[in-house]
């Protein structure tokens, strides 16, 4: 499995307030980014997998919504997570 509980804990530890902080916007954005990267690699090999393509599109939309929320609430936290994940070039 590509995403086990140890990997989730590592993501939440690095980007959240602690390893049990699963609900903060930063930790959710980081988790979505990891999943988006995984699905992108899958679609490079399986270009006709339309179900995964739709899931990827929905996931990108969820991440975009969380980023917009964070940008409106606290611009410094938004800038920090974008820089840490390397989302904007």
PDB file of N, CA and C in Angstrom:
ATOM      1  N   UNK A   1       0.844  -1.182   0.000  1.00  0.00           N
ATOM      2  CA  UNK A   1       0.000   0.000   0.000  1.00  0.00           C
ATOM      3  C   UNK A   1       0.887   1.243   0.000  1.00  0.00           C
ATOM      4  N   UNK A   2       0.519   2.207  -0.788  1.00  0.00           N
ATOM      5  CA  UNK A   2       1.372   3.384  -0.936  1.00  0.00           C
ATOM      6  C   UNK A   2       1.311   4.332   0.251  1.00  0.00           C
ATOM      7  N   UNK A   3       0.217   4.302   1.008  1.00  0.00           N
ATOM      8  CA  UNK A   3       0.062   5.225   2.129  1.00  0.00           C
ATOM      9  C   UNK A   3      -0.360   4.450   3.369  1.00  0.00           C
ATOM     10  N   UNK A   4       0.607   4.115   4.205  1.00  0.00           N
ATOM     11  CA  UNK A   4       0.297   3.396   5.435  1.00  0.00           C
ATOM     12  C   UNK A   4       0.236   4.386   6.597  1.00  0.00           C
ATOM     13  N   UNK A   5      -0.100   3.890   7.759  1.00  0.00           N
ATOM     14  CA  UNK A   5      -0.280   4.778   8.909  1.00  0.00           C
ATOM     15  C   UNK A   5       1.025   5.439   9.334  1.00  0.00           C
ATOM     16  N   UNK A   6       2.150   4.763   9.123  1.00  0.00           N
ATOM     17  CA  UNK A   6       3.441   5.364   9.475  1.00  0.00           C
ATOM     18  C   UNK A   6       3.731   6.577   8.593  1.00  0.00           C
ATOM     19  N   UNK A   7       3.417   6.478   7.322  1.00  0.00           N
ATOM     20  CA  UNK A   7       3.640   7.597   6.403  1.00  0.00           C
ATOM     21  C   UNK A   7       2.710   8.755   6.733  1.00  0.00           C
ATOM     22  N   UNK A   8       1.457   8.452   7.069  1.00  0.00           N
ATOM     23  CA  UNK A   8       0.516   9.501   7.463  1.00  0.00           C
ATOM     24  C   UNK A   8       1.007  10.223   8.712  1.00  0.00           C
ATOM     25  N   UNK A   9       1.463   9.453   9.699  1.00  0.00           N
ATOM     26  CA  UNK A   9       1.972  10.047  10.932  1.00  0.00           C
ATOM     27  C   UNK A   9       3.166  10.942  10.647  1.00  0.00           C
ATOM     28  N   UNK A  10       4.023  10.506   9.746  1.00  0.00           N
ATOM     29  CA  UNK A  10       5.191  11.312   9.365  1.00  0.00           C
ATOM     30  C   UNK A  10       4.766  12.629   8.715  1.00  0.00           C
ATOM     31  N   UNK A  11       3.776  12.574   7.839  1.00  0.00           N
ATOM     32  CA  UNK A  11       3.283  13.790   7.182  1.00  0.00           C
ATOM     33  C   UNK A  11       2.660  14.730   8.203  1.00  0.00           C
ATOM     34  N   UNK A  12       1.832  14.182   9.112  1.00  0.00           N
ATOM     35  CA  UNK A  12       1.188  15.024  10.116  1.00  0.00           C
ATOM     36  C   UNK A  12       2.201  15.605  11.094  1.00  0.00           C
ATOM     37  N   UNK A  13       3.246  14.844  11.415  1.00  0.00           N
ATOM     38  CA  UNK A  13       4.301  15.327  12.313  1.00  0.00           C
ATOM     39  C   UNK A  13       5.058  16.491  11.675  1.00  0.00           C
ATOM     40  N   UNK A  14       5.342  16.364  10.380  1.00  0.00           N
ATOM     41  CA  UNK A  14       6.154  17.373   9.689  1.00  0.00           C
ATOM     42  C   UNK A  14       5.379  18.659   9.414  1.00  0.00           C
ATOM     43  N   UNK A  15       4.124  18.542   8.989  1.00  0.00           N
ATOM     44  CA  UNK A  15       3.385  19.720   8.560  1.00  0.00           C
ATOM     45  C   UNK A  15       2.323  20.177   9.543  1.00  0.00           C
ATOM     46  N   UNK A  16       1.911  19.332  10.464  1.00  0.00           N
ATOM     47  CA  UNK A  16       0.902  19.715  11.444  1.00  0.00           C
ATOM     48  C   UNK A  16       1.540  20.194  12.730  1.00  0.00           C
ATOM     49  N   UNK A  17       0.730  20.284  13.757  1.00  0.00           N
ATOM     50  CA  UNK A  17       1.235  20.714  15.062  1.00  0.00           C
ATOM     51  C   UNK A  17       1.772  19.548  15.874  1.00  0.00           C
ATOM     52  N   UNK A  18       1.517  18.336  15.408  1.00  0.00           N
ATOM     53  CA  UNK A  18       1.983  17.131  16.084  1.00  0.00           C
ATOM     54  C   UNK A  18       1.562  15.923  15.278  1.00  0.00           C
ATOM     55  N   UNK A  19       1.941  14.728  15.748  1.00  0.00           N
ATOM     56  CA  UNK A  19       1.617  13.542  14.956  1.00  0.00           C
ATOM     57  C   UNK A  19       0.145  13.159  15.013  1.00  0.00           C
ATOM     58  N   UNK A  20      -0.617  13.741  15.949  1.00  0.00           N
ATOM     59  CA  UNK A  20      -2.045  13.453  16.015  1.00  0.00           C
ATOM     60  C   UNK A  20      -2.878  14.599  15.437  1.00  0.00           C
ATOM     61  N   UNK A  21      -2.240  15.616  14.891  1.00  0.00           N
ATOM     62  CA  UNK A  21      -2.935  16.767  14.313  1.00  0.00           C
ATOM     63  C   UNK A  21      -3.338  16.432  12.880  1.00  0.00           C
ATOM     64  N   UNK A  22      -4.496  15.790  12.736  1.00  0.00           N
ATOM     65  CA  UNK A  22      -4.929  15.350  11.414  1.00  0.00           C
ATOM     66  C   UNK A  22      -5.907  16.311  10.766  1.00  0.00           C
ATOM     67  N   UNK A  23      -6.367  17.309  11.488  1.00  0.00           N
ATOM     68  CA  UNK A  23      -7.421  18.162  10.963  1.00  0.00           C
ATOM     69  C   UNK A  23      -6.988  19.540  10.521  1.00  0.00           C
ATOM     70  N   UNK A  24      -5.776  19.954  10.822  1.00  0.00           N
ATOM     71  CA  UNK A  24      -5.360  21.296  10.434  1.00  0.00           C
ATOM     72  C   UNK A  24      -5.240  21.394   8.924  1.00  0.00           C
ATOM     73  N   UNK A  25      -5.401  22.598   8.421  1.00  0.00           N
ATOM     74  CA  UNK A  25      -5.362  22.805   6.973  1.00  0.00           C
ATOM     75  C   UNK A  25      -4.006  22.402   6.403  1.00  0.00           C
ATOM     76  N   UNK A  26      -2.929  22.717   7.117  1.00  0.00           N
ATOM     77  CA  UNK A  26      -1.587  22.396   6.617  1.00  0.00           C
ATOM     78  C   UNK A  26      -1.383  20.888   6.471  1.00  0.00           C
ATOM     79  N   UNK A  27      -1.815  20.141   7.470  1.00  0.00           N
ATOM     80  CA  UNK A  27      -1.619  18.693   7.399  1.00  0.00           C
ATOM     81  C   UNK A  27      -2.485  18.072   6.307  1.00  0.00           C
ATOM     82  N   UNK A  28      -3.707  18.571   6.127  1.00  0.00           N
ATOM     83  CA  UNK A  28      -4.567  18.055   5.067  1.00  0.00           C
ATOM     84  C   UNK A  28      -4.011  18.392   3.685  1.00  0.00           C
ATOM     85  N   UNK A  29      -3.495  19.605   3.521  1.00  0.00           N
ATOM     86  CA  UNK A  29      -2.898  20.002   2.240  1.00  0.00           C
ATOM     87  C   UNK A  29      -1.690  19.124   1.933  1.00  0.00           C
ATOM     88  N   UNK A  30      -0.874  18.860   2.938  1.00  0.00           N
ATOM     89  CA  UNK A  30       0.303  18.013   2.728  1.00  0.00           C
ATOM     90  C   UNK A  30      -0.105  16.583   2.353  1.00  0.00           C
ATOM     91  N   UNK A  31      -1.127  16.057   3.010  1.00  0.00           N
ATOM     92  CA  UNK A  31      -1.601  14.711   2.696  1.00  0.00           C
ATOM     93  C   UNK A  31      -2.177  14.655   1.280  1.00  0.00           C
ATOM     94  N   UNK A  32      -2.961  15.658   0.911  1.00  0.00           N
ATOM     95  CA  UNK A  32      -3.508  15.709  -0.448  1.00  0.00           C
ATOM     96  C   UNK A  32      -2.390  15.798  -1.477  1.00  0.00           C
ATOM     97  N   UNK A  33      -1.351  16.565  -1.185  1.00  0.00           N
ATOM     98  CA  UNK A  33      -0.236  16.708  -2.117  1.00  0.00           C
ATOM     99  C   UNK A  33       0.468  15.378  -2.319  1.00  0.00           C
ATOM    100  N   UNK A  34       0.655  14.616  -1.244  1.00  0.00           N
ATOM    101  CA  UNK A  34       1.274  13.298  -1.360  1.00  0.00           C
ATOM    102  C   UNK A  34       0.418  12.381  -2.225  1.00  0.00           C
ATOM    103  N   UNK A  35      -0.894  12.390  -1.996  1.00  0.00           N
ATOM    104  CA  UNK A  35      -1.796  11.542  -2.773  1.00  0.00           C
ATOM    105  C   UNK A  35      -1.851  11.981  -4.231  1.00  0.00           C
ATOM    106  N   UNK A  36      -1.828  13.285  -4.487  1.00  0.00           N
ATOM    107  CA  UNK A  36      -1.844  13.800  -5.857  1.00  0.00           C
ATOM    108  C   UNK A  36      -0.601  13.340  -6.607  1.00  0.00           C
ATOM    109  N   UNK A  37       0.554  13.390  -5.949  1.00  0.00           N
ATOM    110  CA  UNK A  37       1.789  12.937  -6.586  1.00  0.00           C
ATOM    111  C   UNK A  37       1.714  11.452  -6.932  1.00  0.00           C
ATOM    112  N   UNK A  38       1.145  10.668  -6.019  1.00  0.00           N
ATOM    113  CA  UNK A  38       1.020   9.231  -6.265  1.00  0.00           C
ATOM    114  C   UNK A  38       0.080   8.954  -7.445  1.00  0.00           C
ATOM    115  N   UNK A  39      -1.064   9.622  -7.478  1.00  0.00           N
ATOM    116  CA  UNK A  39      -2.022   9.403  -8.557  1.00  0.00           C
ATOM    117  C   UNK A  39      -1.478   9.889  -9.901  1.00  0.00           C
ATOM    118  N   UNK A  40      -0.694  10.943  -9.877  1.00  0.00           N
ATOM    119  CA  UNK A  40      -0.089  11.445 -11.110  1.00  0.00           C
ATOM    120  C   UNK A  40       0.856  10.412 -11.697  1.00  0.00           C
ATOM    121  N   UNK A  41       1.662   9.792 -10.847  1.00  0.00           N
ATOM    122  CA  UNK A  41       2.565   8.741 -11.321  1.00  0.00           C
ATOM    123  C   UNK A  41       1.779   7.548 -11.868  1.00  0.00           C
ATOM    124  N   UNK A  42       0.673   7.206 -11.214  1.00  0.00           N
ATOM    125  CA  UNK A  42      -0.166   6.107 -11.680  1.00  0.00           C
ATOM    126  C   UNK A  42      -0.730   6.413 -13.066  1.00  0.00           C
ATOM    127  N   UNK A  43      -1.178   7.653 -13.263  1.00  0.00           N
ATOM    128  CA  UNK A  43      -1.782   8.011 -14.541  1.00  0.00           C
ATOM    129  C   UNK A  43      -0.754   8.117 -15.665  1.00  0.00           C
ATOM    130  N   UNK A  44       0.500   8.350 -15.336  1.00  0.00           N
ATOM    131  CA  UNK A  44       1.532   8.351 -16.377  1.00  0.00           C
ATOM    132  C   UNK A  44       1.681   6.960 -16.985  1.00  0.00           C
ATOM    133  N   UNK A  45       1.464   5.930 -16.180  1.00  0.00           N
ATOM    134  CA  UNK A  45       1.596   4.562 -16.659  1.00  0.00           C
ATOM    135  C   UNK A  45       0.268   4.019 -17.191  1.00  0.00           C
ATOM    136  N   UNK A  46      -0.854   4.500 -16.675  1.00  0.00           N
ATOM    137  CA  UNK A  46      -2.180   3.995 -17.040  1.00  0.00           C
ATOM    138  C   UNK A  46      -3.031   5.156 -17.545  1.00  0.00           C
ATOM    139  N   UNK A  47      -2.779   5.585 -18.744  1.00  0.00           N
ATOM    140  CA  UNK A  47      -3.408   6.805 -19.237  1.00  0.00           C
ATOM    141  C   UNK A  47      -4.906   6.664 -19.497  1.00  0.00           C
ATOM    142  N   UNK A  48      -5.407   5.461 -19.606  1.00  0.00           N
ATOM    143  CA  UNK A  48      -6.837   5.267 -19.866  1.00  0.00           C
ATOM    144  C   UNK A  48      -7.649   4.999 -18.603  1.00  0.00           C
ATOM    145  N   UNK A  49      -7.056   5.171 -17.460  1.00  0.00           N
ATOM    146  CA  UNK A  49      -7.751   4.962 -16.186  1.00  0.00           C
ATOM    147  C   UNK A  49      -8.530   6.231 -15.841  1.00  0.00           C
ATOM    148  N   UNK A  50      -9.736   6.310 -16.365  1.00  0.00           N
ATOM    149  CA  UNK A  50     -10.517   7.541 -16.232  1.00  0.00           C
ATOM    150  C   UNK A  50     -11.065   7.740 -14.828  1.00  0.00           C
ATOM    151  N   UNK A  51     -11.277   6.683 -14.091  1.00  0.00           N
ATOM    152  CA  UNK A  51     -11.752   6.803 -12.717  1.00  0.00           C
ATOM    153  C   UNK A  51     -10.701   7.472 -11.839  1.00  0.00           C
ATOM    154  N   UNK A  52      -9.460   7.059 -12.016  1.00  0.00           N
ATOM    155  CA  UNK A  52      -8.370   7.682 -11.267  1.00  0.00           C
ATOM    156  C   UNK A  52      -8.176   9.127 -11.698  1.00  0.00           C
ATOM    157  N   UNK A  53      -8.344   9.399 -12.969  1.00  0.00           N
ATOM    158  CA  UNK A  53      -8.212  10.774 -13.463  1.00  0.00           C
ATOM    159  C   UNK A  53      -9.261  11.679 -12.816  1.00  0.00           C
ATOM    160  N   UNK A  54     -10.479  11.164 -12.684  1.00  0.00           N
ATOM    161  CA  UNK A  54     -11.534  11.945 -12.041  1.00  0.00           C
ATOM    162  C   UNK A  54     -11.221  12.148 -10.558  1.00  0.00           C
ATOM    163  N   UNK A  55     -10.726  11.108  -9.899  1.00  0.00           N
ATOM    164  CA  UNK A  55     -10.349  11.223  -8.497  1.00  0.00           C
ATOM    165  C   UNK A  55      -9.241  12.252  -8.302  1.00  0.00           C
ATOM    166  N   UNK A  56      -8.289  12.257  -9.224  1.00  0.00           N
ATOM    167  CA  UNK A  56      -7.198  13.227  -9.152  1.00  0.00           C
ATOM    168  C   UNK A  56      -7.736  14.650  -9.288  1.00  0.00           C
ATOM    169  N   UNK A  57      -8.648  14.855 -10.212  1.00  0.00           N
ATOM    170  CA  UNK A  57      -9.235  16.180 -10.410  1.00  0.00           C
ATOM    171  C   UNK A  57      -9.968  16.644  -9.156  1.00  0.00           C
ATOM    172  N   UNK A  58     -10.726  15.740  -8.540  1.00  0.00           N
ATOM    173  CA  UNK A  58     -11.448  16.092  -7.319  1.00  0.00           C
ATOM    174  C   UNK A  58     -10.491  16.418  -6.183  1.00  0.00           C
ATOM    175  N   UNK A  59      -9.401  15.666  -6.096  1.00  0.00           N
ATOM    176  CA  UNK A  59      -8.422  15.889  -5.038  1.00  0.00           C
ATOM    177  C   UNK A  59      -7.717  17.235  -5.204  1.00  0.00           C
ATOM    178  N   UNK A  60      -7.399  17.580  -6.440  1.00  0.00           N
ATOM    179  CA  UNK A  60      -6.781  18.873  -6.705  1.00  0.00           C
ATOM    180  C   UNK A  60      -7.742  20.000  -6.319  1.00  0.00           C
ATOM    181  N   UNK A  61      -9.018  19.815  -6.586  1.00  0.00           N
ATOM    182  CA  UNK A  61     -10.017  20.816  -6.207  1.00  0.00           C
ATOM    183  C   UNK A  61     -10.135  20.972  -4.700  1.00  0.00           C
ATOM    184  N   UNK A  62     -10.092  19.857  -3.978  1.00  0.00           N
ATOM    185  CA  UNK A  62     -10.131  19.922  -2.514  1.00  0.00           C
ATOM    186  C   UNK A  62      -8.915  20.661  -1.968  1.00  0.00           C
ATOM    187  N   UNK A  63      -7.746  20.350  -2.530  1.00  0.00           N
ATOM    188  CA  UNK A  63      -6.524  21.032  -2.074  1.00  0.00           C
ATOM    189  C   UNK A  63      -6.604  22.514  -2.388  1.00  0.00           C
ATOM    190  N   UNK A  64      -7.115  22.861  -3.571  1.00  0.00           N
ATOM    191  CA  UNK A  64      -7.254  24.268  -3.952  1.00  0.00           C
ATOM    192  C   UNK A  64      -8.185  24.998  -2.984  1.00  0.00           C
ATOM    193  N   UNK A  65      -9.273  24.342  -2.586  1.00  0.00           N
ATOM    194  CA  UNK A  65     -10.210  24.953  -1.648  1.00  0.00           C
ATOM    195  C   UNK A  65      -9.553  25.195  -0.294  1.00  0.00           C
ATOM    196  N   UNK A  66      -8.790  24.222   0.182  1.00  0.00           N
ATOM    197  CA  UNK A  66      -8.102  24.401   1.463  1.00  0.00           C
ATOM    198  C   UNK A  66      -7.052  25.506   1.384  1.00  0.00           C
ATOM    199  N   UNK A  67      -6.349  25.584   0.259  1.00  0.00           N
ATOM    200  CA  UNK A  67      -5.353  26.644   0.095  1.00  0.00           C
ATOM    201  C   UNK A  67      -6.022  28.015   0.074  1.00  0.00           C
ATOM    202  N   UNK A  68      -7.160  28.123  -0.584  1.00  0.00           N
ATOM    203  CA  UNK A  68      -7.899  29.388  -0.611  1.00  0.00           C
ATOM    204  C   UNK A  68      -8.369  29.764   0.792  1.00  0.00           C
ATOM    205  N   UNK A  69      -8.886  28.792   1.518  1.00  0.00           N
ATOM    206  CA  UNK A  69      -9.313  29.023   2.898  1.00  0.00           C
ATOM    207  C   UNK A  69      -8.156  29.540   3.745  1.00  0.00           C
ATOM    208  N   UNK A  70      -7.013  28.871   3.632  1.00  0.00           N
ATOM    209  CA  UNK A  70      -5.858  29.251   4.430  1.00  0.00           C
ATOM    210  C   UNK A  70      -5.346  30.633   4.032  1.00  0.00           C
ATOM    211  N   UNK A  71      -5.389  30.938   2.757  1.00  0.00           N
ATOM    212  CA  UNK A  71      -4.933  32.243   2.277  1.00  0.00           C
ATOM    213  C   UNK A  71      -5.805  33.363   2.830  1.00  0.00           C
ATOM    214  N   UNK A  72      -7.104  33.113   2.903  1.00  0.00           N
ATOM    215  CA  UNK A  72      -8.025  34.130   3.431  1.00  0.00           C
ATOM    216  C   UNK A  72      -7.887  34.297   4.932  1.00  0.00           C
ATOM    217  N   UNK A  73      -7.594  33.216   5.651  1.00  0.00           N
ATOM    218  CA  UNK A  73      -7.527  33.262   7.111  1.00  0.00           C
ATOM    219  C   UNK A  73      -6.175  33.770   7.622  1.00  0.00           C
ATOM    220  N   UNK A  74      -5.082  33.216   7.089  1.00  0.00           N
ATOM    221  CA  UNK A  74      -3.755  33.556   7.603  1.00  0.00           C
ATOM    222  C   UNK A  74      -2.737  33.432   6.476  1.00  0.00           C
ATOM    223  N   UNK A  75      -2.365  34.572   5.916  1.00  0.00           N
ATOM    224  CA  UNK A  75      -1.488  34.592   4.744  1.00  0.00           C
ATOM    225  C   UNK A  75      -0.099  34.033   5.066  1.00  0.00           C
ATOM    226  N   UNK A  76       0.367  34.185   6.296  1.00  0.00           N
ATOM    227  CA  UNK A  76       1.697  33.682   6.660  1.00  0.00           C
ATOM    228  C   UNK A  76       1.727  32.150   6.681  1.00  0.00           C
ATOM    229  N   UNK A  77       0.687  31.536   7.206  1.00  0.00           N
ATOM    230  CA  UNK A  77       0.601  30.074   7.194  1.00  0.00           C
ATOM    231  C   UNK A  77       0.492  29.559   5.763  1.00  0.00           C
ATOM    232  N   UNK A  78      -0.262  30.281   4.920  1.00  0.00           N
ATOM    233  CA  UNK A  78      -0.402  29.914   3.507  1.00  0.00           C
ATOM    234  C   UNK A  78       0.954  29.936   2.815  1.00  0.00           C
ATOM    235  N   UNK A  79       1.682  31.021   3.000  1.00  0.00           N
ATOM    236  CA  UNK A  79       3.000  31.149   2.364  1.00  0.00           C
ATOM    237  C   UNK A  79       3.963  30.076   2.854  1.00  0.00           C
ATOM    238  N   UNK A  80       3.884  29.753   4.140  1.00  0.00           N
ATOM    239  CA  UNK A  80       4.784  28.738   4.703  1.00  0.00           C
ATOM    240  C   UNK A  80       4.503  27.360   4.101  1.00  0.00           C
ATOM    241  N   UNK A  81       3.242  26.969   3.980  1.00  0.00           N
ATOM    242  CA  UNK A  81       2.926  25.638   3.461  1.00  0.00           C
ATOM    243  C   UNK A  81       3.219  25.558   1.964  1.00  0.00           C
ATOM    244  N   UNK A  82       2.976  26.640   1.227  1.00  0.00           N
ATOM    245  CA  UNK A  82       3.277  26.637  -0.206  1.00  0.00           C
ATOM    246  C   UNK A  82       4.785  26.510  -0.428  1.00  0.00           C
ATOM    247  N   UNK A  83       5.549  27.205   0.385  1.00  0.00           N
ATOM    248  CA  UNK A  83       7.008  27.114   0.259  1.00  0.00           C
ATOM    249  C   UNK A  83       7.524  25.729   0.664  1.00  0.00           C
ATOM    250  N   UNK A  84       6.964  25.177   1.742  1.00  0.00           N
ATOM    251  CA  UNK A  84       7.418  23.876   2.224  1.00  0.00           C
ATOM    252  C   UNK A  84       7.116  22.755   1.234  1.00  0.00           C
ATOM    253  N   UNK A  85       5.976  22.849   0.574  1.00  0.00           N
ATOM    254  CA  UNK A  85       5.591  21.802  -0.382  1.00  0.00           C
ATOM    255  C   UNK A  85       6.054  22.103  -1.814  1.00  0.00           C
ATOM    256  N   UNK A  86       6.478  23.334  -2.059  1.00  0.00           N
ATOM    257  CA  UNK A  86       6.927  23.701  -3.406  1.00  0.00           C
ATOM    258  C   UNK A  86       5.798  23.704  -4.421  1.00  0.00           C
ATOM    259  N   UNK A  87       4.651  24.258  -4.052  1.00  0.00           N
ATOM    260  CA  UNK A  87       3.488  24.210  -4.934  1.00  0.00           C
ATOM    261  C   UNK A  87       3.511  25.289  -6.013  1.00  0.00           C
ATOM    262  N   UNK A  88       3.917  26.480  -5.710  1.00  0.00           N
ATOM    263  CA  UNK A  88       3.945  27.566  -6.684  1.00  0.00           C
ATOM    264  C   UNK A  88       5.364  27.803  -7.138  1.00  0.00           C
ATOM    265  N   UNK A  89       5.540  27.860  -8.435  1.00  0.00           N
ATOM    266  CA  UNK A  89       6.900  28.089  -8.954  1.00  0.00           C
ATOM    267  C   UNK A  89       7.080  29.507  -9.416  1.00  0.00           C
TER     268      UNK A  89
END
